[in-house]
Amino acid sequence: MEQIFGGGILWTLLIGFLAGLLARAIKPGNDKLGIIMTIVLGIAGALLARFVGGSLGWYGPNEPTGFIASVIGAIVLLFIYALVKKKS
């Protein structure tokens, strides 16, 4: 977890929360998520960005994921969530 954002657990939670909040603010629609799910969204967005960026060669093995990439990853996850929720 420490390598996601390049800091400790508290830093990861704080940046995850900020990335999740920003993603929810940018994506249109009403995404009713609590504070814990917003943190999870931001961290999952960073993991998605890390996976995609690592696969494309943008990040090396020990490089942290960028904040903007984390927000973009969280936005992608919100769109996927909206699609799955819409089908149900």
N, C-alpha and C. Protein backbone atom coordinates (compact mmCIF):
# COMPACT_ATOMS: atom_id res chain seq x y z
N MET A 1 0.81 -1.19 0.00
CA MET A 1 0.00 0.00 0.00
C MET A 1 0.86 1.26 0.00
N GLU A 2 2.03 1.18 0.59
CA GLU A 2 2.87 2.34 0.72
C GLU A 2 3.33 2.88 -0.63
N GLN A 3 3.45 2.01 -1.62
CA GLN A 3 3.94 2.44 -2.92
C GLN A 3 2.86 3.03 -3.80
N ILE A 4 1.61 2.99 -3.40
CA ILE A 4 0.55 3.54 -4.23
C ILE A 4 0.76 5.03 -4.42
N PHE A 5 0.89 5.76 -3.33
CA PHE A 5 1.07 7.21 -3.39
C PHE A 5 2.46 7.65 -2.95
N GLY A 6 3.30 6.74 -2.51
CA GLY A 6 4.65 7.10 -2.10
C GLY A 6 4.75 7.57 -0.66
N GLY A 7 3.83 7.24 0.19
CA GLY A 7 3.87 7.64 1.59
C GLY A 7 3.35 6.54 2.48
N GLY A 8 3.09 6.89 3.73
CA GLY A 8 2.58 5.93 4.68
C GLY A 8 1.08 5.71 4.54
N ILE A 9 0.54 4.92 5.45
CA ILE A 9 -0.89 4.57 5.41
C ILE A 9 -1.76 5.82 5.57
N LEU A 10 -1.45 6.69 6.51
CA LEU A 10 -2.27 7.89 6.69
C LEU A 10 -2.23 8.79 5.46
N TRP A 11 -1.06 8.90 4.87
CA TRP A 11 -0.93 9.68 3.64
C TRP A 11 -1.77 9.06 2.53
N THR A 12 -1.74 7.74 2.43
CA THR A 12 -2.53 7.04 1.42
C THR A 12 -4.02 7.29 1.63
N LEU A 13 -4.48 7.22 2.88
CA LEU A 13 -5.89 7.46 3.17
C LEU A 13 -6.28 8.90 2.85
N LEU A 14 -5.44 9.86 3.20
CA LEU A 14 -5.74 11.27 2.92
C LEU A 14 -5.80 11.54 1.42
N ILE A 15 -4.80 11.10 0.70
CA ILE A 15 -4.77 11.33 -0.74
C ILE A 15 -5.89 10.54 -1.43
N GLY A 16 -6.18 9.32 -0.95
CA GLY A 16 -7.30 8.55 -1.48
C GLY A 16 -8.62 9.27 -1.29
N PHE A 17 -8.80 9.88 -0.12
CA PHE A 17 -10.02 10.64 0.15
C PHE A 17 -10.11 11.84 -0.79
N LEU A 18 -9.02 12.57 -0.96
CA LEU A 18 -9.03 13.74 -1.84
C LEU A 18 -9.26 13.34 -3.30
N ALA A 19 -8.63 12.26 -3.73
CA ALA A 19 -8.83 11.79 -5.11
C ALA A 19 -10.27 11.33 -5.31
N GLY A 20 -10.84 10.65 -4.33
CA GLY A 20 -12.23 10.21 -4.42
C GLY A 20 -13.20 11.38 -4.45
N LEU A 21 -12.94 12.38 -3.60
CA LEU A 21 -13.79 13.58 -3.59
C LEU A 21 -13.74 14.31 -4.92
N LEU A 22 -12.55 14.48 -5.44
CA LEU A 22 -12.38 15.19 -6.71
C LEU A 22 -13.05 14.42 -7.85
N ALA A 23 -12.90 13.11 -7.85
CA ALA A 23 -13.54 12.28 -8.89
C ALA A 23 -15.06 12.41 -8.81
N ARG A 24 -15.61 12.40 -7.60
CA ARG A 24 -17.06 12.54 -7.43
C ARG A 24 -17.53 13.92 -7.85
N ALA A 25 -16.70 14.95 -7.66
CA ALA A 25 -17.06 16.31 -8.05
C ALA A 25 -17.01 16.48 -9.57
N ILE A 26 -16.07 15.81 -10.23
CA ILE A 26 -15.90 15.95 -11.69
C ILE A 26 -16.95 15.16 -12.45
N LYS A 27 -17.22 13.93 -12.00
CA LYS A 27 -18.17 13.07 -12.72
C LYS A 27 -19.59 13.58 -12.50
N PRO A 28 -20.34 13.75 -13.59
CA PRO A 28 -21.72 14.20 -13.43
C PRO A 28 -22.59 13.12 -12.79
N GLY A 29 -23.61 13.55 -12.10
CA GLY A 29 -24.53 12.61 -11.45
C GLY A 29 -24.37 12.63 -9.95
N ASN A 30 -25.29 12.00 -9.29
CA ASN A 30 -25.29 11.94 -7.84
C ASN A 30 -24.79 10.57 -7.40
N ASP A 31 -23.55 10.52 -6.94
CA ASP A 31 -22.96 9.28 -6.44
C ASP A 31 -22.99 9.33 -4.92
N LYS A 32 -23.94 8.64 -4.35
CA LYS A 32 -24.11 8.67 -2.89
C LYS A 32 -23.12 7.69 -2.26
N LEU A 33 -21.99 8.22 -1.84
CA LEU A 33 -20.96 7.43 -1.18
C LEU A 33 -20.60 8.10 0.14
N GLY A 34 -20.39 7.29 1.15
CA GLY A 34 -19.95 7.82 2.44
C GLY A 34 -18.46 8.09 2.41
N ILE A 35 -17.95 8.54 3.54
CA ILE A 35 -16.53 8.90 3.63
C ILE A 35 -15.62 7.69 3.41
N ILE A 36 -15.98 6.55 3.97
CA ILE A 36 -15.16 5.35 3.82
C ILE A 36 -15.14 4.90 2.36
N MET A 37 -16.30 4.89 1.71
CA MET A 37 -16.36 4.47 0.31
C MET A 37 -15.65 5.48 -0.61
N THR A 38 -15.63 6.74 -0.23
CA THR A 38 -14.90 7.74 -1.00
C THR A 38 -13.40 7.49 -0.92
N ILE A 39 -12.93 7.13 0.28
CA ILE A 39 -11.52 6.78 0.45
C ILE A 39 -11.19 5.53 -0.36
N VAL A 40 -12.06 4.52 -0.27
CA VAL A 40 -11.85 3.28 -1.04
C VAL A 40 -11.84 3.57 -2.54
N LEU A 41 -12.74 4.46 -2.98
CA LEU A 41 -12.79 4.83 -4.39
C LEU A 41 -11.47 5.46 -4.83
N GLY A 42 -10.95 6.38 -4.05
CA GLY A 42 -9.68 7.03 -4.40
C GLY A 42 -8.52 6.05 -4.42
N ILE A 43 -8.46 5.16 -3.45
CA ILE A 43 -7.37 4.17 -3.40
C ILE A 43 -7.52 3.18 -4.55
N ALA A 44 -8.74 2.73 -4.83
CA ALA A 44 -8.97 1.82 -5.95
C ALA A 44 -8.64 2.50 -7.28
N GLY A 45 -8.94 3.79 -7.38
CA GLY A 45 -8.58 4.54 -8.59
C GLY A 45 -7.07 4.58 -8.77
N ALA A 46 -6.35 4.74 -7.67
CA ALA A 46 -4.89 4.73 -7.74
C ALA A 46 -4.36 3.36 -8.15
N LEU A 47 -4.98 2.30 -7.61
CA LEU A 47 -4.56 0.95 -7.99
C LEU A 47 -4.83 0.68 -9.47
N LEU A 48 -5.98 1.14 -9.96
CA LEU A 48 -6.29 0.99 -11.38
C LEU A 48 -5.30 1.77 -12.23
N ALA A 49 -5.01 3.01 -11.83
CA ALA A 49 -4.04 3.83 -12.57
C ALA A 49 -2.66 3.19 -12.54
N ARG A 50 -2.30 2.62 -11.41
CA ARG A 50 -0.99 1.95 -11.26
C ARG A 50 -0.91 0.74 -12.19
N PHE A 51 -1.98 -0.05 -12.22
CA PHE A 51 -2.00 -1.24 -13.07
C PHE A 51 -1.90 -0.85 -14.55
N VAL A 52 -2.74 0.09 -14.97
CA VAL A 52 -2.75 0.51 -16.38
C VAL A 52 -1.43 1.20 -16.73
N GLY A 53 -0.98 2.11 -15.87
CA GLY A 53 0.28 2.82 -16.12
C GLY A 53 1.48 1.90 -16.14
N GLY A 54 1.49 0.91 -15.26
CA GLY A 54 2.58 -0.08 -15.26
C GLY A 54 2.56 -0.94 -16.50
N SER A 55 1.36 -1.31 -16.95
CA SER A 55 1.22 -2.14 -18.15
C SER A 55 1.68 -1.39 -19.41
N LEU A 56 1.45 -0.08 -19.41
CA LEU A 56 1.83 0.73 -20.57
C LEU A 56 3.25 1.28 -20.46
N GLY A 57 3.92 1.02 -19.35
CA GLY A 57 5.30 1.46 -19.17
C GLY A 57 5.43 2.89 -18.65
N TRP A 58 4.35 3.47 -18.15
CA TRP A 58 4.41 4.83 -17.63
C TRP A 58 5.03 4.88 -16.25
N TYR A 59 4.87 3.82 -15.47
CA TYR A 59 5.40 3.76 -14.11
C TYR A 59 6.36 2.58 -14.00
N GLY A 60 7.49 2.83 -13.34
CA GLY A 60 8.43 1.76 -13.05
C GLY A 60 7.97 1.00 -11.82
N PRO A 61 8.67 -0.08 -11.48
CA PRO A 61 8.24 -0.92 -10.36
C PRO A 61 8.17 -0.20 -9.01
N ASN A 62 9.02 0.79 -8.77
CA ASN A 62 9.04 1.47 -7.47
C ASN A 62 8.53 2.90 -7.52
N GLU A 63 7.91 3.30 -8.60
CA GLU A 63 7.40 4.66 -8.72
C GLU A 63 5.97 4.76 -8.18
N PRO A 64 5.67 5.81 -7.43
CA PRO A 64 4.30 5.99 -6.93
C PRO A 64 3.38 6.47 -8.05
N THR A 65 2.11 6.22 -7.88
CA THR A 65 1.10 6.66 -8.84
C THR A 65 0.86 8.15 -8.67
N GLY A 66 0.69 8.87 -9.75
CA GLY A 66 0.42 10.29 -9.68
C GLY A 66 -0.99 10.59 -9.22
N PHE A 67 -1.19 11.77 -8.64
CA PHE A 67 -2.49 12.16 -8.12
C PHE A 67 -3.52 12.28 -9.24
N ILE A 68 -3.15 12.91 -10.33
CA ILE A 68 -4.09 13.09 -11.44
C ILE A 68 -4.49 11.75 -12.02
N ALA A 69 -3.54 10.84 -12.15
CA ALA A 69 -3.85 9.50 -12.65
C ALA A 69 -4.80 8.78 -11.68
N SER A 70 -4.63 9.00 -10.39
CA SER A 70 -5.51 8.39 -9.40
C SER A 70 -6.93 8.91 -9.52
N VAL A 71 -7.07 10.21 -9.76
CA VAL A 71 -8.40 10.80 -9.93
C VAL A 71 -9.05 10.25 -11.20
N ILE A 72 -8.28 10.15 -12.27
CA ILE A 72 -8.82 9.60 -13.53
C ILE A 72 -9.24 8.15 -13.32
N GLY A 73 -8.44 7.37 -12.60
CA GLY A 73 -8.81 5.99 -12.31
C GLY A 73 -10.09 5.91 -11.50
N ALA A 74 -10.25 6.82 -10.53
CA ALA A 74 -11.47 6.85 -9.72
C ALA A 74 -12.68 7.24 -10.55
N ILE A 75 -12.51 8.16 -11.49
CA ILE A 75 -13.61 8.54 -12.39
C ILE A 75 -14.03 7.36 -13.25
N VAL A 76 -13.06 6.63 -13.76
CA VAL A 76 -13.36 5.43 -14.56
C VAL A 76 -14.16 4.44 -13.73
N LEU A 77 -13.75 4.24 -12.48
CA LEU A 77 -14.48 3.31 -11.60
C LEU A 77 -15.89 3.80 -11.31
N LEU A 78 -16.08 5.10 -11.17
CA LEU A 78 -17.42 5.64 -10.96
C LEU A 78 -18.31 5.40 -12.17
N PHE A 79 -17.76 5.56 -13.37
CA PHE A 79 -18.55 5.30 -14.58
C PHE A 79 -18.92 3.82 -14.68
N ILE A 80 -17.98 2.95 -14.34
CA ILE A 80 -18.27 1.51 -14.36
C ILE A 80 -19.35 1.18 -13.33
N TYR A 81 -19.24 1.77 -12.14
CA TYR A 81 -20.24 1.56 -11.09
C TYR A 81 -21.62 2.02 -11.56
N ALA A 82 -21.68 3.17 -12.22
CA ALA A 82 -22.97 3.69 -12.72
C ALA A 82 -23.57 2.77 -13.77
N LEU A 83 -22.73 2.21 -14.63
CA LEU A 83 -23.22 1.27 -15.64
C LEU A 83 -23.78 -0.01 -15.02
N VAL A 84 -23.07 -0.54 -14.04
CA VAL A 84 -23.52 -1.76 -13.37
C VAL A 84 -24.78 -1.48 -12.58
N LYS A 85 -24.85 -0.35 -11.90
CA LYS A 85 -26.02 0.01 -11.11
C LYS A 85 -27.23 0.22 -12.00
N LYS A 86 -27.00 0.79 -13.19
CA LYS A 86 -28.10 1.06 -14.13
C LYS A 86 -28.72 -0.23 -14.65
N LYS A 87 -27.91 -1.26 -14.87
CA LYS A 87 -28.40 -2.53 -15.39
C LYS A 87 -29.23 -3.29 -14.35
N SER A 88 -28.97 -3.04 -13.08
CA SER A 88 -29.69 -3.77 -12.02
C SER A 88 -31.10 -3.31 -11.84
